[in-house]
Amino acid sequence: MQTRTAPKSPGELRSLIRNGEWSQPTPGLAPGYVQTNLAVLPKELAFDFLLYCQRNPQPCPVIEVVEAGSVEPKQLALGADLRTDLPKYLVYEHGEMVAEVDDIQEFWRDDLVSFLLGCSFSFQMALVHAGIPVPHLDEGKSDPTYITTLETKPAGIFSGPMVVSMWPIPRSEVSRVVQTTSRFPGLHGAPVHIGDPAAIGIQDLDRPDYGDVVELKDGEVPVFWGCGVTPQAAAMRSKPRMMLTHSAGHMFITDQRYQKLAVL
């Protein structure tokens, strides 16, 4: 693992990632800039997936769709290459995760459509600026992420459970957190659940399906947001012949300021 200090410029970070000089998770990197989840599918499945995202906007908020064969997200990061500019990727074939790789050039085809989905890593700075602690950020961790018993709304071939991320929030700050994050529907928006984890099928907060363990301290409440790993859960159930995604916690860093996605 690299020990060098991370740069704050999105372009410099993408360059380091592309050149194999940075492969760590991305929470806390490029503060103030939007980070996104990635899902890449054959064109024949793109409409089904877009409809799936439209029906499930909290876990799967679409920020940009990159047309078939293109690797450049022109709205979010001119000159970037989605095949190389994320620290780690996952490769799914017929619902099975078959590889975790540093780039997806060998898997790329001209019929692939890329979806960039909003990520809660982006609005964590809004909470920091509001004086609300973000424990996983303070501890240098990825937020703990869980597969729930909440079902997403199916579309075409796609269906599956909702995946959520959890941030421990001081009880006195929960209402402010809801108000703050509700302004960013393109970055998962308001929480999908507050309180008892068992109510959404999570039996043990110390055993996340993805990410790191973050301790829930006295006076804190577990708050859960829809998570962009949800498409990976949909891939495992729906078994598309191919899907390429980010590896959990390893996001695409854009040139877009998160404030641009706020709604009044």
C-alpha atoms as a PDB file:
ATOM      1  CA  MET A   1       0.000   0.000   0.000  1.00  0.00           C
ATOM      2  CA  GLN A   2       1.230   3.480  -0.826  1.00  0.00           C
ATOM      3  CA  THR A   3       2.217   5.732   2.048  1.00  0.00           C
ATOM      4  CA  ARG A   4       2.732   8.971   0.151  1.00  0.00           C
ATOM      5  CA  THR A   5       0.444  11.911   0.881  1.00  0.00           C
ATOM      6  CA  ALA A   6      -2.484  12.070  -1.516  1.00  0.00           C
ATOM      7  CA  PRO A   7      -2.705  15.128  -3.766  1.00  0.00           C
ATOM      8  CA  LYS A   8      -5.931  17.125  -3.679  1.00  0.00           C
ATOM      9  CA  SER A   9      -6.287  17.848  -7.410  1.00  0.00           C
ATOM     10  CA  PRO A  10      -8.703  15.433  -9.174  1.00  0.00           C
ATOM     11  CA  GLY A  11      -6.626  15.507 -12.351  1.00  0.00           C
ATOM     12  CA  GLU A  12      -3.399  14.714 -10.528  1.00  0.00           C
ATOM     13  CA  LEU A  13      -5.085  11.897  -8.642  1.00  0.00           C
ATOM     14  CA  ARG A  14      -6.455  10.374 -11.836  1.00  0.00           C
ATOM     15  CA  SER A  15      -2.988  10.594 -13.396  1.00  0.00           C
ATOM     16  CA  LEU A  16      -1.421   8.783 -10.442  1.00  0.00           C
ATOM     17  CA  ILE A  17      -4.127   6.118 -10.550  1.00  0.00           C
ATOM     18  CA  ARG A  18      -3.737   5.680 -14.322  1.00  0.00           C
ATOM     19  CA  ASN A  19       0.011   5.212 -13.913  1.00  0.00           C
ATOM     20  CA  GLY A  20      -0.368   2.636 -11.137  1.00  0.00           C
ATOM     21  CA  GLU A  21       0.985   4.971  -8.448  1.00  0.00           C
ATOM     22  CA  TRP A  22      -2.188   5.125  -6.331  1.00  0.00           C
ATOM     23  CA  SER A  23      -4.496   2.178  -5.602  1.00  0.00           C
ATOM     24  CA  GLN A  24      -5.925   2.994  -2.175  1.00  0.00           C
ATOM     25  CA  PRO A  25      -9.632   3.615  -1.437  1.00  0.00           C
ATOM     26  CA  THR A  26     -10.783   7.153  -2.175  1.00  0.00           C
ATOM     27  CA  PRO A  27     -12.779   8.492   0.828  1.00  0.00           C
ATOM     28  CA  GLY A  28     -11.342  11.856   1.827  1.00  0.00           C
ATOM     29  CA  LEU A  29      -9.460  12.368  -1.445  1.00  0.00           C
ATOM     30  CA  ALA A  30      -9.986  15.565  -3.490  1.00  0.00           C
ATOM     31  CA  PRO A  31     -12.144  17.211  -0.795  1.00  0.00           C
ATOM     32  CA  GLY A  32     -15.104  19.063  -2.259  1.00  0.00           C
ATOM     33  CA  TYR A  33     -15.166  17.174  -5.562  1.00  0.00           C
ATOM     34  CA  VAL A  34     -17.781  14.649  -6.626  1.00  0.00           C
ATOM     35  CA  GLN A  35     -16.803  10.992  -6.542  1.00  0.00           C
ATOM     36  CA  THR A  36     -18.865   8.428  -8.403  1.00  0.00           C
ATOM     37  CA  ASN A  37     -19.610   4.731  -8.542  1.00  0.00           C
ATOM     38  CA  LEU A  38     -19.172   3.003 -11.899  1.00  0.00           C
ATOM     39  CA  ALA A  39     -21.234   0.392 -13.723  1.00  0.00           C
ATOM     40  CA  VAL A  40     -20.419  -0.677 -17.291  1.00  0.00           C
ATOM     41  CA  LEU A  41     -22.707  -2.911 -19.333  1.00  0.00           C
ATOM     42  CA  PRO A  42     -23.215  -4.085 -22.912  1.00  0.00           C
ATOM     43  CA  LYS A  43     -25.441  -1.724 -24.919  1.00  0.00           C
ATOM     44  CA  GLU A  44     -28.170  -4.357 -25.165  1.00  0.00           C
ATOM     45  CA  LEU A  45     -28.642  -4.129 -21.375  1.00  0.00           C
ATOM     46  CA  ALA A  46     -28.166  -0.365 -21.005  1.00  0.00           C
ATOM     47  CA  PHE A  47     -31.846   0.598 -21.198  1.00  0.00           C
ATOM     48  CA  ASP A  48     -32.844  -2.000 -18.606  1.00  0.00           C
ATOM     49  CA  PHE A  49     -30.131  -0.725 -16.276  1.00  0.00           C
ATOM     50  CA  LEU A  50     -31.034   2.936 -16.828  1.00  0.00           C
ATOM     51  CA  LEU A  51     -34.650   2.113 -15.990  1.00  0.00           C
ATOM     52  CA  TYR A  52     -33.479   0.206 -12.914  1.00  0.00           C
ATOM     53  CA  CYS A  53     -31.560   3.280 -11.753  1.00  0.00           C
ATOM     54  CA  GLN A  54     -34.515   5.565 -12.476  1.00  0.00           C
ATOM     55  CA  ARG A  55     -36.754   3.381 -10.300  1.00  0.00           C
ATOM     56  CA  ASN A  56     -34.162   3.241  -7.497  1.00  0.00           C
ATOM     57  CA  PRO A  57     -32.710   6.763  -7.334  1.00  0.00           C
ATOM     58  CA  GLN A  58     -31.463   6.614  -3.745  1.00  0.00           C
ATOM     59  CA  PRO A  59     -28.985   3.742  -4.181  1.00  0.00           C
ATOM     60  CA  CYS A  60     -28.436   4.372  -7.924  1.00  0.00           C
ATOM     61  CA  PRO A  61     -28.515   8.116  -8.714  1.00  0.00           C
ATOM     62  CA  VAL A  62     -27.318   8.573 -12.306  1.00  0.00           C
ATOM     63  CA  ILE A  63     -25.070  11.601 -12.851  1.00  0.00           C
ATOM     64  CA  GLU A  64     -23.740  10.802 -16.323  1.00  0.00           C
ATOM     65  CA  VAL A  65     -24.205   8.111 -18.961  1.00  0.00           C
ATOM     66  CA  VAL A  66     -21.266   7.688 -21.340  1.00  0.00           C
ATOM     67  CA  GLU A  67     -22.285   6.459 -24.776  1.00  0.00           C
ATOM     68  CA  ALA A  68     -21.298   3.077 -26.138  1.00  0.00           C
ATOM     69  CA  GLY A  69     -17.599   2.687 -26.826  1.00  0.00           C
ATOM     70  CA  SER A  70     -16.543   5.999 -25.290  1.00  0.00           C
ATOM     71  CA  VAL A  71     -14.236   6.011 -22.261  1.00  0.00           C
ATOM     72  CA  GLU A  72     -14.408   9.765 -21.547  1.00  0.00           C
ATOM     73  CA  PRO A  73     -17.052  11.233 -19.207  1.00  0.00           C
ATOM     74  CA  LYS A  74     -17.287  14.595 -20.943  1.00  0.00           C
ATOM     75  CA  GLN A  75     -19.683  16.160 -18.452  1.00  0.00           C
ATOM     76  CA  LEU A  76     -17.702  15.288 -15.335  1.00  0.00           C
ATOM     77  CA  ALA A  77     -14.026  14.957 -16.295  1.00  0.00           C
ATOM     78  CA  LEU A  78     -12.791  15.894 -19.767  1.00  0.00           C
ATOM     79  CA  GLY A  79      -9.784  13.831 -20.784  1.00  0.00           C
ATOM     80  CA  ALA A  80     -10.379  11.098 -18.189  1.00  0.00           C
ATOM     81  CA  ASP A  81     -10.388   7.413 -19.124  1.00  0.00           C
ATOM     82  CA  LEU A  82     -12.890   5.189 -17.328  1.00  0.00           C
ATOM     83  CA  ARG A  83     -10.826   2.103 -18.179  1.00  0.00           C
ATOM     84  CA  THR A  84      -7.821   3.228 -16.117  1.00  0.00           C
ATOM     85  CA  ASP A  85      -8.724   6.104 -13.792  1.00  0.00           C
ATOM     86  CA  LEU A  86     -10.276   4.202 -10.870  1.00  0.00           C
ATOM     87  CA  PRO A  87      -7.975   2.532  -8.309  1.00  0.00           C
ATOM     88  CA  LYS A  88      -9.645  -0.891  -8.562  1.00  0.00           C
ATOM     89  CA  TYR A  89     -12.379  -2.540 -10.611  1.00  0.00           C
ATOM     90  CA  LEU A  90     -14.481  -5.698 -10.375  1.00  0.00           C
ATOM     91  CA  VAL A  91     -15.400  -7.928 -13.302  1.00  0.00           C
ATOM     92  CA  TYR A  92     -18.695  -9.857 -13.204  1.00  0.00           C
ATOM     93  CA  GLU A  93     -19.637 -12.598 -15.653  1.00  0.00           C
ATOM     94  CA  HIS A  94     -23.090 -14.187 -15.436  1.00  0.00           C
ATOM     95  CA  GLY A  95     -23.436 -12.927 -11.865  1.00  0.00           C
ATOM     96  CA  GLU A  96     -20.074 -14.182 -10.631  1.00  0.00           C
ATOM     97  CA  MET A  97     -17.281 -11.837  -9.621  1.00  0.00           C
ATOM     98  CA  VAL A  98     -14.383 -13.288 -11.601  1.00  0.00           C
ATOM     99  CA  ALA A  99     -11.628 -10.692 -11.112  1.00  0.00           C
ATOM    100  CA  GLU A 100     -10.511  -7.590  -9.241  1.00  0.00           C
ATOM    101  CA  VAL A 101      -8.165  -5.580 -11.462  1.00  0.00           C
ATOM    102  CA  ASP A 102      -6.299  -2.267 -11.600  1.00  0.00           C
ATOM    103  CA  ASP A 103      -7.710  -1.379 -15.028  1.00  0.00           C
ATOM    104  CA  ILE A 104     -10.275  -2.807 -17.420  1.00  0.00           C
ATOM    105  CA  GLN A 105      -8.552  -2.230 -20.753  1.00  0.00           C
ATOM    106  CA  GLU A 106      -8.389  -5.937 -21.599  1.00  0.00           C
ATOM    107  CA  PHE A 107     -12.133  -6.284 -20.988  1.00  0.00           C
ATOM    108  CA  TRP A 108     -13.147  -3.196 -22.972  1.00  0.00           C
ATOM    109  CA  ARG A 109     -15.363  -3.436 -26.046  1.00  0.00           C
ATOM    110  CA  ASP A 110     -16.969  -0.861 -28.310  1.00  0.00           C
ATOM    111  CA  ASP A 111     -20.497  -1.864 -27.276  1.00  0.00           C
ATOM    112  CA  LEU A 112     -20.039  -0.985 -23.587  1.00  0.00           C
ATOM    113  CA  VAL A 113     -22.069   1.818 -21.986  1.00  0.00           C
ATOM    114  CA  SER A 114     -20.785   3.414 -18.769  1.00  0.00           C
ATOM    115  CA  PHE A 115     -22.948   4.737 -15.938  1.00  0.00           C
ATOM    116  CA  LEU A 116     -21.548   7.119 -13.320  1.00  0.00           C
ATOM    117  CA  LEU A 117     -23.641   7.033 -10.145  1.00  0.00           C
ATOM    118  CA  GLY A 118     -23.463   9.525  -7.288  1.00  0.00           C
ATOM    119  CA  CYS A 119     -21.530   8.619  -4.142  1.00  0.00           C
ATOM    120  CA  SER A 120     -21.969   9.738  -0.530  1.00  0.00           C
ATOM    121  CA  PHE A 121     -18.203  10.327  -0.294  1.00  0.00           C
ATOM    122  CA  SER A 122     -19.006  13.543  -2.145  1.00  0.00           C
ATOM    123  CA  PHE A 123     -21.290  15.153   0.431  1.00  0.00           C
ATOM    124  CA  GLN A 124     -19.240  14.197   3.461  1.00  0.00           C
ATOM    125  CA  MET A 125     -17.507  17.576   3.122  1.00  0.00           C
ATOM    126  CA  ALA A 126     -20.890  19.271   3.487  1.00  0.00           C
ATOM    127  CA  LEU A 127     -21.185  17.590   6.885  1.00  0.00           C
ATOM    128  CA  VAL A 128     -17.612  18.513   7.810  1.00  0.00           C
ATOM    129  CA  HIS A 129     -18.270  22.147   6.895  1.00  0.00           C
ATOM    130  CA  ALA A 130     -21.412  22.029   9.057  1.00  0.00           C
ATOM    131  CA  GLY A 131     -19.330  20.822  12.018  1.00  0.00           C
ATOM    132  CA  ILE A 132     -20.831  17.327  11.997  1.00  0.00           C
ATOM    133  CA  PRO A 133     -18.289  14.542  12.609  1.00  0.00           C
ATOM    134  CA  VAL A 134     -17.785  11.883   9.931  1.00  0.00           C
ATOM    135  CA  PRO A 135     -16.197   8.984  11.864  1.00  0.00           C
ATOM    136  CA  HIS A 136     -14.887   6.864   8.986  1.00  0.00           C
ATOM    137  CA  LEU A 137     -13.262   9.942   7.456  1.00  0.00           C
ATOM    138  CA  ASP A 138     -11.661  10.898  10.769  1.00  0.00           C
ATOM    139  CA  GLU A 139     -10.341   7.341  11.141  1.00  0.00           C
ATOM    140  CA  GLY A 140      -9.044   7.071   7.560  1.00  0.00           C
ATOM    141  CA  LYS A 141     -11.430   4.236   6.712  1.00  0.00           C
ATOM    142  CA  SER A 142     -14.004   3.312   4.101  1.00  0.00           C
ATOM    143  CA  ASP A 143     -17.537   3.449   5.446  1.00  0.00           C
ATOM    144  CA  PRO A 144     -19.072   0.099   6.434  1.00  0.00           C
ATOM    145  CA  THR A 145     -21.506  -1.204   3.821  1.00  0.00           C
ATOM    146  CA  TYR A 146     -24.183  -3.875   4.169  1.00  0.00           C
ATOM    147  CA  ILE A 147     -26.522  -5.948   2.003  1.00  0.00           C
ATOM    148  CA  THR A 148     -30.037  -5.465   3.390  1.00  0.00           C
ATOM    149  CA  THR A 149     -33.401  -7.184   3.157  1.00  0.00           C
ATOM    150  CA  LEU A 150     -34.825  -4.090   1.451  1.00  0.00           C
ATOM    151  CA  GLU A 151     -35.739  -4.999  -2.132  1.00  0.00           C
ATOM    152  CA  THR A 152     -35.096  -2.593  -4.974  1.00  0.00           C
ATOM    153  CA  LYS A 153     -37.748  -2.048  -7.640  1.00  0.00           C
ATOM    154  CA  PRO A 154     -37.009  -4.383 -10.564  1.00  0.00           C
ATOM    155  CA  ALA A 155     -36.585  -3.222 -14.158  1.00  0.00           C
ATOM    156  CA  GLY A 156     -35.979  -5.454 -17.155  1.00  0.00           C
ATOM    157  CA  ILE A 157     -33.553  -8.170 -16.123  1.00  0.00           C
ATOM    158  CA  PHE A 158     -32.347  -6.263 -13.043  1.00  0.00           C
ATOM    159  CA  SER A 159     -33.473  -6.833  -9.464  1.00  0.00           C
ATOM    160  CA  GLY A 160     -31.827  -7.342  -6.113  1.00  0.00           C
ATOM    161  CA  PRO A 161     -31.417  -6.157  -2.533  1.00  0.00           C
ATOM    162  CA  MET A 162     -30.505  -2.623  -1.641  1.00  0.00           C
ATOM    163  CA  VAL A 163     -26.990  -2.136  -0.320  1.00  0.00           C
ATOM    164  CA  VAL A 164     -26.510   0.618   2.270  1.00  0.00           C
ATOM    165  CA  SER A 165     -23.620   2.428   3.880  1.00  0.00           C
ATOM    166  CA  MET A 166     -23.699   3.342   7.573  1.00  0.00           C
ATOM    167  CA  TRP A 167     -22.321   6.423   9.318  1.00  0.00           C
ATOM    168  CA  PRO A 168     -22.547   6.754  13.123  1.00  0.00           C
ATOM    169  CA  ILE A 169     -24.108  10.155  13.813  1.00  0.00           C
ATOM    170  CA  PRO A 170     -24.453  11.887  17.211  1.00  0.00           C
ATOM    171  CA  ARG A 171     -28.103  11.692  18.217  1.00  0.00           C
ATOM    172  CA  SER A 172     -28.287  15.466  18.545  1.00  0.00           C
ATOM    173  CA  GLU A 173     -27.130  15.915  14.935  1.00  0.00           C
ATOM    174  CA  VAL A 174     -29.410  13.445  13.140  1.00  0.00           C
ATOM    175  CA  SER A 175     -31.968  16.051  12.035  1.00  0.00           C
ATOM    176  CA  ARG A 176     -29.220  18.318  10.658  1.00  0.00           C
ATOM    177  CA  VAL A 177     -27.669  15.395   8.812  1.00  0.00           C
ATOM    178  CA  VAL A 178     -31.018  14.566   7.192  1.00  0.00           C
ATOM    179  CA  GLN A 179     -31.527  18.199   6.192  1.00  0.00           C
ATOM    180  CA  THR A 180     -28.008  18.542   4.804  1.00  0.00           C
ATOM    181  CA  THR A 181     -27.881  15.343   2.791  1.00  0.00           C
ATOM    182  CA  SER A 182     -31.436  15.753   1.461  1.00  0.00           C
ATOM    183  CA  ARG A 183     -30.103  18.644  -0.623  1.00  0.00           C
ATOM    184  CA  PHE A 184     -27.988  16.193  -2.657  1.00  0.00           C
ATOM    185  CA  PRO A 185     -30.333  13.648  -4.299  1.00  0.00           C
ATOM    186  CA  GLY A 186     -27.684  13.012  -6.969  1.00  0.00           C
ATOM    187  CA  LEU A 187     -25.315  11.814  -4.228  1.00  0.00           C
ATOM    188  CA  HIS A 188     -27.789   9.368  -2.570  1.00  0.00           C
ATOM    189  CA  GLY A 189     -29.677  12.158  -0.800  1.00  0.00           C
ATOM    190  CA  ALA A 190     -31.508  11.539   2.463  1.00  0.00           C
ATOM    191  CA  PRO A 191     -30.944   8.405   4.554  1.00  0.00           C
ATOM    192  CA  VAL A 192     -33.072   5.364   3.753  1.00  0.00           C
ATOM    193  CA  HIS A 193     -33.107   4.202   7.384  1.00  0.00           C
ATOM    194  CA  ILE A 194     -32.203   5.532  10.834  1.00  0.00           C
ATOM    195  CA  GLY A 195     -31.790   3.380  13.923  1.00  0.00           C
ATOM    196  CA  ASP A 196     -32.296  -0.357  14.446  1.00  0.00           C
ATOM    197  CA  PRO A 197     -30.103  -2.238  11.913  1.00  0.00           C
ATOM    198  CA  ALA A 198     -32.128  -5.441  12.348  1.00  0.00           C
ATOM    199  CA  ALA A 199     -35.163  -3.687  10.852  1.00  0.00           C
ATOM    200  CA  ILE A 200     -33.420  -3.777   7.456  1.00  0.00           C
ATOM    201  CA  GLY A 201     -31.829  -7.195   7.909  1.00  0.00           C
ATOM    202  CA  ILE A 202     -28.433  -6.220   9.339  1.00  0.00           C
ATOM    203  CA  GLN A 203     -27.659  -8.509  12.253  1.00  0.00           C
ATOM    204  CA  ASP A 204     -24.187  -7.285  13.226  1.00  0.00           C
ATOM    205  CA  LEU A 205     -22.752  -3.830  12.491  1.00  0.00           C
ATOM    206  CA  ASP A 206     -19.279  -5.207  13.188  1.00  0.00           C
ATOM    207  CA  ARG A 207     -19.517  -7.516  10.166  1.00  0.00           C
ATOM    208  CA  PRO A 208     -20.002  -5.292   7.093  1.00  0.00           C
ATOM    209  CA  ASP A 209     -20.223  -6.931   3.683  1.00  0.00           C
ATOM    210  CA  TYR A 210     -17.883  -4.263   2.292  1.00  0.00           C
ATOM    211  CA  GLY A 211     -15.737  -1.488   3.730  1.00  0.00           C
ATOM    212  CA  ASP A 212     -14.336  -1.184   7.237  1.00  0.00           C
ATOM    213  CA  VAL A 213     -15.748  -1.558  10.731  1.00  0.00           C
ATOM    214  CA  VAL A 214     -16.552   1.819  12.305  1.00  0.00           C
ATOM    215  CA  GLU A 215     -17.461   1.732  15.995  1.00  0.00           C
ATOM    216  CA  LEU A 216     -20.865   2.981  17.113  1.00  0.00           C
ATOM    217  CA  LYS A 217     -20.174   4.973  20.282  1.00  0.00           C
ATOM    218  CA  ASP A 218     -22.475   5.955  23.132  1.00  0.00           C
ATOM    219  CA  GLY A 219     -24.781   8.755  22.069  1.00  0.00           C
ATOM    220  CA  GLU A 220     -24.504   7.872  18.372  1.00  0.00           C
ATOM    221  CA  VAL A 221     -27.213   6.535  16.066  1.00  0.00           C
ATOM    222  CA  PRO A 222     -26.563   4.348  13.003  1.00  0.00           C
ATOM    223  CA  VAL A 223     -27.733   6.220   9.900  1.00  0.00           C
ATOM    224  CA  PHE A 224     -27.982   4.364   6.583  1.00  0.00           C
ATOM    225  CA  TRP A 225     -27.806   5.671   3.029  1.00  0.00           C
ATOM    226  CA  GLY A 226     -28.452   3.887  -0.243  1.00  0.00           C
ATOM    227  CA  CYS A 227     -25.123   2.746  -1.691  1.00  0.00           C
ATOM    228  CA  GLY A 228     -23.743   2.506  -5.218  1.00  0.00           C
ATOM    229  CA  VAL A 229     -22.675  -1.087  -4.593  1.00  0.00           C
ATOM    230  CA  THR A 230     -26.352  -1.953  -5.146  1.00  0.00           C
ATOM    231  CA  PRO A 231     -25.761  -2.607  -8.885  1.00  0.00           C
ATOM    232  CA  GLN A 232     -23.221  -5.258  -7.933  1.00  0.00           C
ATOM    233  CA  ALA A 233     -25.851  -7.001  -5.810  1.00  0.00           C
ATOM    234  CA  ALA A 234     -28.212  -6.744  -8.789  1.00  0.00           C
ATOM    235  CA  ALA A 235     -25.555  -8.298 -11.017  1.00  0.00           C
ATOM    236  CA  MET A 236     -25.166 -11.248  -8.659  1.00  0.00           C
ATOM    237  CA  ARG A 237     -28.900 -11.930  -8.687  1.00  0.00           C
ATOM    238  CA  SER A 238     -29.750 -10.962 -12.281  1.00  0.00           C
ATOM    239  CA  LYS A 239     -26.653 -12.514 -13.852  1.00  0.00           C
ATOM    240  CA  PRO A 240     -25.998 -10.251 -16.851  1.00  0.00           C
ATOM    241  CA  ARG A 241     -23.428 -11.822 -19.139  1.00  0.00           C
ATOM    242  CA  MET A 242     -21.017  -9.017 -18.270  1.00  0.00           C
ATOM    243  CA  MET A 243     -20.778  -6.076 -15.879  1.00  0.00           C
ATOM    244  CA  LEU A 244     -17.707  -4.037 -14.965  1.00  0.00           C
ATOM    245  CA  THR A 245     -17.840  -1.945 -11.782  1.00  0.00           C
ATOM    246  CA  HIS A 246     -15.690  -0.068  -9.316  1.00  0.00           C
ATOM    247  CA  SER A 247     -14.418  -2.072  -6.360  1.00  0.00           C
ATOM    248  CA  ALA A 248     -16.175  -0.932  -3.178  1.00  0.00           C
ATOM    249  CA  GLY A 249     -14.539   2.225  -1.811  1.00  0.00           C
ATOM    250  CA  HIS A 250     -12.469   2.829  -4.971  1.00  0.00           C
ATOM    251  CA  MET A 251     -14.369   5.578  -6.766  1.00  0.00           C
ATOM    252  CA  PHE A 252     -13.969   7.705  -9.878  1.00  0.00           C
ATOM    253  CA  ILE A 253     -12.914  11.234  -8.896  1.00  0.00           C
ATOM    254  CA  THR A 254     -14.455  13.925 -11.098  1.00  0.00           C
ATOM    255  CA  ASP A 255     -13.739  17.603 -11.751  1.00  0.00           C
ATOM    256  CA  GLN A 256     -17.238  18.544 -10.554  1.00  0.00           C
ATOM    257  CA  ARG A 257     -17.682  20.409  -7.265  1.00  0.00           C
ATOM    258  CA  TYR A 258     -20.265  18.719  -5.042  1.00  0.00           C
ATOM    259  CA  GLN A 259     -22.042  22.043  -4.425  1.00  0.00           C
ATOM    260  CA  LYS A 260     -23.104  22.043  -8.091  1.00  0.00           C
ATOM    261  CA  LEU A 261     -25.370  19.081  -7.368  1.00  0.00           C
ATOM    262  CA  ALA A 262     -27.189  20.714  -4.457  1.00  0.00           C
ATOM    263  CA  VAL A 263     -30.904  21.482  -4.755  1.00  0.00           C
ATOM    264  CA  LEU A 264     -32.603  24.274  -2.843  1.00  0.00           C
END
